[in-house]
Amino acid sequence: AHLTAFCASPIPENLWEPLPRIFQAVCGGSTESHPLPLILQNGWAHDHMSSMLEPLLNYVGRGPVDVILKSSDCAQMIFGIVRKVVQIGGLGAEQEAAAAANLGAALFAHAAAPAADAWLGPY
């Protein structure tokens, strides 16, 4: 959270590099540059969404969000994180789902109209 909270605004390009790793931690999926062991293929950090919320909100709030929505990769990663965490059930999942919903709401709250219109359907 400190990297994204105390950096220049908008967030410098080199600080966007952790976002794909955060996505991979929550949603899983190996990439050629960052393969995962089989046991981690479905993600392992979805139950830590409330701990990751602050840096993710910094990405959305200081992004700028219009750039996030124009980059299909960033928008898909944010949506994938929200979708994965909201769909996980079990004991204690409500707090994590609320954090994910907060992230999704922040995306729309920071977007200037009509930048987020195309994302209303998937959410």
Foldseek 3Di string as FASTA:
>chain_A
DVQLPPDDFLRDPVVCVCLVVVLCQQQADADPVGGDPPVCRRHDCLLVQVVVLVSLLSCPQRVPLLVQLVPVVNVVSLLSSLVRLLPDDDPSSVVSNVSSVVSVVSSVVNDDPPSCVVVPVSD
